Amino acid sequence: MYINWQSRELNIKIVYYGPVLSGKTTNLEQIHAGVNPKRRTELVSLKTHEDSTLFFDFMQLELGKIGGLSPKIHLYTVPGKAYYESSRRLVLRGADGVVFVADSSEDRLKSNLQSWRKMKEHLSSFGVAYGNIPLVLQCNKQDLPNSLDPVILKKLLRVEGYPTFGAVAIASLGVAETFKAIMQSVVNHVQHQLV
């Protein structure tokens, strides 16, 4: 969180993190499409030839006041591929909240576990203890025939104490609920810090 006291702006960073092709960018595209253009910037997206995000997707939203400050919400995604590890770490730095987008396909469990472990390692390297940052788990691709139920996936990832949502981001199912949950958690966290 960064506060510009002169302009009374509260800058909040939310990062969508997860394995390659789990639906992180699709979430931001759906959020972008659903927000009044007067309250958001354009979505900046850098794609590879395989249509996955090279560095990050970024979008800024403006909402009502928090503690007398005008919040600007910055949404980012990280690249999912392992060889962009330093980029993922860089984008995650300074996050005020994280949405972990898991691919619910049973055969992607190993990728989810690896990405979850790396996210925790990165947060720890920034001095952020797991459990001290607002986080939401989204179990995306629930429409696939071999998808794991969100309750099972949450248990396998050992994610406890965080809101969890099933989703089909490509159809915008579960996207708004996930976003509302992370926003509520981050706003509560920020208000506690401002007191």
C-alpha atoms as a PDB file:
ATOM      1  CA  MET A   1       0.000   0.000   0.000  1.00  0.00           C
ATOM      2  CA  TYR A   2       1.262   3.421  -0.922  1.00  0.00           C
ATOM      3  CA  ILE A   3      -0.399   6.654   0.212  1.00  0.00           C
ATOM      4  CA  ASN A   4       0.077   9.910  -1.655  1.00  0.00           C
ATOM      5  CA  TRP A   5      -0.960  12.323   1.094  1.00  0.00           C
ATOM      6  CA  GLN A   6      -0.816  15.359  -1.173  1.00  0.00           C
ATOM      7  CA  SER A   7      -3.419  13.956  -3.594  1.00  0.00           C
ATOM      8  CA  ARG A   8      -5.147  11.887  -0.850  1.00  0.00           C
ATOM      9  CA  GLU A   9      -4.715   8.731  -2.952  1.00  0.00           C
ATOM     10  CA  LEU A  10      -4.404   5.242  -1.536  1.00  0.00           C
ATOM     11  CA  ASN A  11      -2.698   2.881  -3.992  1.00  0.00           C
ATOM     12  CA  ILE A  12      -3.500  -0.795  -3.474  1.00  0.00           C
ATOM     13  CA  LYS A  13      -1.859  -3.636  -5.386  1.00  0.00           C
ATOM     14  CA  ILE A  14      -3.632  -6.955  -5.941  1.00  0.00           C
ATOM     15  CA  VAL A  15      -1.806  -9.758  -7.738  1.00  0.00           C
ATOM     16  CA  TYR A  16      -3.416 -12.720  -9.485  1.00  0.00           C
ATOM     17  CA  TYR A  17      -0.905 -15.556  -9.060  1.00  0.00           C
ATOM     18  CA  GLY A  18      -0.968 -19.162 -10.252  1.00  0.00           C
ATOM     19  CA  PRO A  19       0.411 -21.708 -12.704  1.00  0.00           C
ATOM     20  CA  VAL A  20       0.617 -21.207 -16.449  1.00  0.00           C
ATOM     21  CA  LEU A  21      -2.720 -21.031 -18.285  1.00  0.00           C
ATOM     22  CA  SER A  22      -4.771 -21.233 -15.076  1.00  0.00           C
ATOM     23  CA  GLY A  23      -6.921 -18.243 -16.052  1.00  0.00           C
ATOM     24  CA  LYS A  24      -5.230 -15.280 -14.379  1.00  0.00           C
ATOM     25  CA  THR A  25      -5.409 -13.061 -17.457  1.00  0.00           C
ATOM     26  CA  THR A  26      -8.950 -14.225 -18.217  1.00  0.00           C
ATOM     27  CA  ASN A  27     -10.003 -13.029 -14.749  1.00  0.00           C
ATOM     28  CA  LEU A  28      -8.603  -9.549 -15.413  1.00  0.00           C
ATOM     29  CA  GLU A  29     -10.206  -9.451 -18.861  1.00  0.00           C
ATOM     30  CA  GLN A  30     -13.596 -10.301 -17.344  1.00  0.00           C
ATOM     31  CA  ILE A  31     -13.209  -7.718 -14.560  1.00  0.00           C
ATOM     32  CA  HIS A  32     -12.139  -5.118 -17.118  1.00  0.00           C
ATOM     33  CA  ALA A  33     -15.162  -5.842 -19.305  1.00  0.00           C
ATOM     34  CA  GLY A  34     -17.518  -5.482 -16.342  1.00  0.00           C
ATOM     35  CA  VAL A  35     -16.246  -2.165 -14.982  1.00  0.00           C
ATOM     36  CA  ASN A  36     -17.497   1.219 -16.181  1.00  0.00           C
ATOM     37  CA  PRO A  37     -14.799   2.597 -18.543  1.00  0.00           C
ATOM     38  CA  LYS A  38     -14.825   5.875 -16.586  1.00  0.00           C
ATOM     39  CA  ARG A  39     -13.626   4.003 -13.486  1.00  0.00           C
ATOM     40  CA  ARG A  40     -10.785   2.013 -15.043  1.00  0.00           C
ATOM     41  CA  THR A  41      -7.775   2.290 -17.289  1.00  0.00           C
ATOM     42  CA  GLU A  42      -7.174   0.192 -20.349  1.00  0.00           C
ATOM     43  CA  LEU A  43      -5.945  -3.333 -19.752  1.00  0.00           C
ATOM     44  CA  VAL A  44      -2.275  -3.624 -20.644  1.00  0.00           C
ATOM     45  CA  SER A  45      -1.337  -7.169 -21.585  1.00  0.00           C
ATOM     46  CA  LEU A  46       1.900  -8.584 -22.931  1.00  0.00           C
ATOM     47  CA  LYS A  47       1.415 -11.929 -24.674  1.00  0.00           C
ATOM     48  CA  THR A  48       3.788 -14.565 -26.028  1.00  0.00           C
ATOM     49  CA  HIS A  49       3.187 -16.459 -29.267  1.00  0.00           C
ATOM     50  CA  GLU A  50       1.542 -19.187 -27.128  1.00  0.00           C
ATOM     51  CA  ASP A  51      -0.962 -16.583 -25.849  1.00  0.00           C
ATOM     52  CA  SER A  52       0.233 -16.693 -22.256  1.00  0.00           C
ATOM     53  CA  THR A  53       1.289 -13.579 -20.365  1.00  0.00           C
ATOM     54  CA  LEU A  54       4.948 -12.697 -20.743  1.00  0.00           C
ATOM     55  CA  PHE A  55       5.295 -10.228 -17.905  1.00  0.00           C
ATOM     56  CA  PHE A  56       2.079  -8.913 -16.433  1.00  0.00           C
ATOM     57  CA  ASP A  57      -1.392  -7.664 -17.073  1.00  0.00           C
ATOM     58  CA  PHE A  58      -2.207  -4.384 -15.405  1.00  0.00           C
ATOM     59  CA  MET A  59      -5.384  -2.459 -14.817  1.00  0.00           C
ATOM     60  CA  GLN A  60      -6.219   0.378 -12.448  1.00  0.00           C
ATOM     61  CA  LEU A  61      -9.654   0.818 -10.887  1.00  0.00           C
ATOM     62  CA  GLU A  62     -11.053   3.718  -8.908  1.00  0.00           C
ATOM     63  CA  LEU A  63     -13.549   3.121  -6.096  1.00  0.00           C
ATOM     64  CA  GLY A  64     -15.195   5.079  -3.257  1.00  0.00           C
ATOM     65  CA  LYS A  65     -13.292   6.486  -0.255  1.00  0.00           C
ATOM     66  CA  ILE A  66     -11.376   4.453   2.327  1.00  0.00           C
ATOM     67  CA  GLY A  67     -10.522   6.367   5.482  1.00  0.00           C
ATOM     68  CA  GLY A  68     -10.982   9.669   3.629  1.00  0.00           C
ATOM     69  CA  LEU A  69      -8.586   8.576   0.877  1.00  0.00           C
ATOM     70  CA  SER A  70      -9.394   7.854  -2.769  1.00  0.00           C
ATOM     71  CA  PRO A  71      -8.292   4.287  -3.486  1.00  0.00           C
ATOM     72  CA  LYS A  72      -6.706   3.296  -6.761  1.00  0.00           C
ATOM     73  CA  ILE A  73      -6.693  -0.452  -7.170  1.00  0.00           C
ATOM     74  CA  HIS A  74      -3.888  -1.830  -9.311  1.00  0.00           C
ATOM     75  CA  LEU A  75      -4.528  -5.355 -10.599  1.00  0.00           C
ATOM     76  CA  TYR A  76      -1.654  -7.461 -11.910  1.00  0.00           C
ATOM     77  CA  THR A  77      -1.136 -11.011 -13.068  1.00  0.00           C
ATOM     78  CA  VAL A  78       2.136 -12.858 -13.050  1.00  0.00           C
ATOM     79  CA  PRO A  79       3.467 -14.989 -15.892  1.00  0.00           C
ATOM     80  CA  GLY A  80       2.772 -18.631 -15.132  1.00  0.00           C
ATOM     81  CA  LYS A  81       5.774 -20.238 -16.790  1.00  0.00           C
ATOM     82  CA  ALA A  82       8.606 -21.314 -14.496  1.00  0.00           C
ATOM     83  CA  TYR A  83      11.316 -19.642 -16.582  1.00  0.00           C
ATOM     84  CA  TYR A  84       9.772 -16.246 -15.754  1.00  0.00           C
ATOM     85  CA  GLU A  85      10.402 -16.830 -12.042  1.00  0.00           C
ATOM     86  CA  SER A  86      12.207 -13.528 -11.470  1.00  0.00           C
ATOM     87  CA  SER A  87       9.357 -11.649 -13.177  1.00  0.00           C
ATOM     88  CA  ARG A  88       6.783 -13.403 -10.985  1.00  0.00           C
ATOM     89  CA  ARG A  89       8.746 -12.460  -7.900  1.00  0.00           C
ATOM     90  CA  LEU A  90       9.061  -8.839  -9.036  1.00  0.00           C
ATOM     91  CA  VAL A  91       5.331  -8.476  -9.768  1.00  0.00           C
ATOM     92  CA  LEU A  92       4.390 -10.066  -6.417  1.00  0.00           C
ATOM     93  CA  ARG A  93       6.603  -7.672  -4.434  1.00  0.00           C
ATOM     94  CA  GLY A  94       4.544  -5.087  -2.583  1.00  0.00           C
ATOM     95  CA  ALA A  95       1.214  -6.874  -3.074  1.00  0.00           C
ATOM     96  CA  ASP A  96      -1.520  -5.902  -0.633  1.00  0.00           C
ATOM     97  CA  GLY A  97      -3.579  -8.946  -1.581  1.00  0.00           C
ATOM     98  CA  VAL A  98      -3.257 -12.093  -3.680  1.00  0.00           C
ATOM     99  CA  VAL A  99      -5.735 -14.153  -5.653  1.00  0.00           C
ATOM    100  CA  PHE A 100      -4.276 -17.600  -6.264  1.00  0.00           C
ATOM    101  CA  VAL A 101      -5.867 -18.932  -9.456  1.00  0.00           C
ATOM    102  CA  ALA A 102      -5.597 -22.723  -9.441  1.00  0.00           C
ATOM    103  CA  ASP A 103      -6.332 -24.857 -12.488  1.00  0.00           C
ATOM    104  CA  SER A 104      -8.917 -27.346 -11.198  1.00  0.00           C
ATOM    105  CA  SER A 105      -7.911 -30.065 -13.680  1.00  0.00           C
ATOM    106  CA  GLU A 106      -6.776 -33.121 -11.764  1.00  0.00           C
ATOM    107  CA  ASP A 107      -3.699 -33.463 -13.986  1.00  0.00           C
ATOM    108  CA  ARG A 108      -2.605 -29.893 -13.082  1.00  0.00           C
ATOM    109  CA  LEU A 109      -2.362 -30.571  -9.344  1.00  0.00           C
ATOM    110  CA  LYS A 110       1.451 -30.746  -9.413  1.00  0.00           C
ATOM    111  CA  SER A 111       1.655 -27.370 -11.206  1.00  0.00           C
ATOM    112  CA  ASN A 112      -0.725 -25.840  -8.667  1.00  0.00           C
ATOM    113  CA  LEU A 113       1.331 -27.177  -5.756  1.00  0.00           C
ATOM    114  CA  GLN A 114       4.606 -25.906  -7.253  1.00  0.00           C
ATOM    115  CA  SER A 115       3.160 -22.469  -7.944  1.00  0.00           C
ATOM    116  CA  TRP A 116       1.588 -22.267  -4.461  1.00  0.00           C
ATOM    117  CA  ARG A 117       4.922 -23.206  -2.852  1.00  0.00           C
ATOM    118  CA  LYS A 118       6.812 -20.610  -4.922  1.00  0.00           C
ATOM    119  CA  MET A 119       4.300 -17.896  -4.049  1.00  0.00           C
ATOM    120  CA  LYS A 120       4.763 -18.623  -0.336  1.00  0.00           C
ATOM    121  CA  GLU A 121       8.565 -18.589  -0.774  1.00  0.00           C
ATOM    122  CA  HIS A 122       8.448 -15.226  -2.543  1.00  0.00           C
ATOM    123  CA  LEU A 123       6.181 -13.691   0.092  1.00  0.00           C
ATOM    124  CA  SER A 124       8.485 -14.986   2.814  1.00  0.00           C
ATOM    125  CA  SER A 125      11.515 -13.474   1.041  1.00  0.00           C
ATOM    126  CA  PHE A 126       9.737 -10.082   1.239  1.00  0.00           C
ATOM    127  CA  GLY A 127       9.183 -10.536   4.979  1.00  0.00           C
ATOM    128  CA  VAL A 128       5.477 -11.309   4.532  1.00  0.00           C
ATOM    129  CA  ALA A 129       4.438 -14.315   6.588  1.00  0.00           C
ATOM    130  CA  TYR A 130       1.899 -16.651   5.045  1.00  0.00           C
ATOM    131  CA  GLY A 131      -1.322 -15.802   6.807  1.00  0.00           C
ATOM    132  CA  ASN A 132      -0.508 -12.092   7.125  1.00  0.00           C
ATOM    133  CA  ILE A 133      -1.690 -11.079   3.670  1.00  0.00           C
ATOM    134  CA  PRO A 134      -5.230 -11.047   2.308  1.00  0.00           C
ATOM    135  CA  LEU A 135      -5.597 -14.030   0.003  1.00  0.00           C
ATOM    136  CA  VAL A 136      -8.378 -15.725  -1.942  1.00  0.00           C
ATOM    137  CA  LEU A 137      -8.192 -19.107  -3.663  1.00  0.00           C
ATOM    138  CA  GLN A 138     -10.012 -19.415  -6.970  1.00  0.00           C
ATOM    139  CA  CYS A 139     -10.416 -22.951  -8.338  1.00  0.00           C
ATOM    140  CA  ASN A 140     -10.846 -22.169 -12.027  1.00  0.00           C
ATOM    141  CA  LYS A 141     -11.933 -24.415 -14.910  1.00  0.00           C
ATOM    142  CA  GLN A 142     -14.662 -26.119 -12.910  1.00  0.00           C
ATOM    143  CA  ASP A 143     -16.418 -26.876 -16.205  1.00  0.00           C
ATOM    144  CA  LEU A 144     -13.815 -29.461 -17.229  1.00  0.00           C
ATOM    145  CA  PRO A 145     -14.752 -33.141 -16.828  1.00  0.00           C
ATOM    146  CA  ASN A 146     -11.704 -33.980 -14.675  1.00  0.00           C
ATOM    147  CA  SER A 147     -11.917 -30.904 -12.430  1.00  0.00           C
ATOM    148  CA  LEU A 148     -11.375 -31.270  -8.700  1.00  0.00           C
ATOM    149  CA  ASP A 149     -14.041 -29.897  -6.382  1.00  0.00           C
ATOM    150  CA  PRO A 150     -12.881 -26.640  -4.702  1.00  0.00           C
ATOM    151  CA  VAL A 151     -13.153 -28.251  -1.239  1.00  0.00           C
ATOM    152  CA  ILE A 152     -10.812 -31.072  -2.309  1.00  0.00           C
ATOM    153  CA  LEU A 153      -8.379 -28.754  -4.111  1.00  0.00           C
ATOM    154  CA  LYS A 154      -8.258 -26.454  -1.082  1.00  0.00           C
ATOM    155  CA  LYS A 155      -7.409 -29.435   1.119  1.00  0.00           C
ATOM    156  CA  LEU A 156      -4.725 -30.731  -1.286  1.00  0.00           C
ATOM    157  CA  LEU A 157      -3.100 -27.283  -1.464  1.00  0.00           C
ATOM    158  CA  ARG A 158      -3.361 -27.000   2.345  1.00  0.00           C
ATOM    159  CA  VAL A 159      -5.039 -23.614   2.071  1.00  0.00           C
ATOM    160  CA  GLU A 160      -6.799 -22.936   5.334  1.00  0.00           C
ATOM    161  CA  GLY A 161      -8.581 -19.867   6.589  1.00  0.00           C
ATOM    162  CA  TYR A 162      -8.990 -18.199   3.205  1.00  0.00           C
ATOM    163  CA  PRO A 163     -12.094 -17.708   1.057  1.00  0.00           C
ATOM    164  CA  THR A 164     -12.302 -20.235  -1.786  1.00  0.00           C
ATOM    165  CA  PHE A 165     -14.386 -20.024  -4.945  1.00  0.00           C
ATOM    166  CA  GLY A 166     -15.074 -22.339  -7.832  1.00  0.00           C
ATOM    167  CA  ALA A 167     -14.938 -20.577 -11.180  1.00  0.00           C
ATOM    168  CA  VAL A 168     -15.220 -20.805 -14.930  1.00  0.00           C
ATOM    169  CA  ALA A 169     -13.435 -17.535 -15.715  1.00  0.00           C
ATOM    170  CA  ILE A 170     -13.888 -17.819 -19.479  1.00  0.00           C
ATOM    171  CA  ALA A 171     -17.668 -17.635 -18.845  1.00  0.00           C
ATOM    172  CA  SER A 172     -17.230 -15.017 -16.094  1.00  0.00           C
ATOM    173  CA  LEU A 173     -18.526 -17.464 -13.453  1.00  0.00           C
ATOM    174  CA  GLY A 174     -16.930 -16.921 -10.046  1.00  0.00           C
ATOM    175  CA  VAL A 175     -14.838 -13.971 -11.257  1.00  0.00           C
ATOM    176  CA  ALA A 176     -16.870 -11.218  -9.581  1.00  0.00           C
ATOM    177  CA  GLU A 177     -17.262 -13.239  -6.367  1.00  0.00           C
ATOM    178  CA  THR A 178     -13.500 -13.800  -6.192  1.00  0.00           C
ATOM    179  CA  PHE A 179     -12.786 -10.125  -6.853  1.00  0.00           C
ATOM    180  CA  LYS A 180     -15.318  -8.947  -4.262  1.00  0.00           C
ATOM    181  CA  ALA A 181     -13.806 -11.300  -1.670  1.00  0.00           C
ATOM    182  CA  ILE A 182     -10.232 -10.108  -2.222  1.00  0.00           C
ATOM    183  CA  MET A 183     -11.368  -6.472  -2.240  1.00  0.00           C
ATOM    184  CA  GLN A 184     -13.270  -6.902   1.026  1.00  0.00           C
ATOM    185  CA  SER A 185     -10.309  -8.635   2.634  1.00  0.00           C
ATOM    186  CA  VAL A 186      -7.806  -6.019   1.407  1.00  0.00           C
ATOM    187  CA  VAL A 187     -10.014  -3.070   2.415  1.00  0.00           C
ATOM    188  CA  ASN A 188     -10.467  -4.546   5.917  1.00  0.00           C
ATOM    189  CA  HIS A 189      -6.707  -5.097   6.156  1.00  0.00           C
ATOM    190  CA  VAL A 190      -5.931  -1.553   4.943  1.00  0.00           C
ATOM    191  CA  GLN A 191      -8.483   0.039   7.293  1.00  0.00           C
ATOM    192  CA  HIS A 192      -6.884  -1.833  10.188  1.00  0.00           C
ATOM    193  CA  GLN A 193      -3.456  -0.490   9.152  1.00  0.00           C
ATOM    194  CA  LEU A 194      -4.755   3.095   8.848  1.00  0.00           C
ATOM    195  CA  VAL A 195      -6.117   3.111  12.417  1.00  0.00           C
END
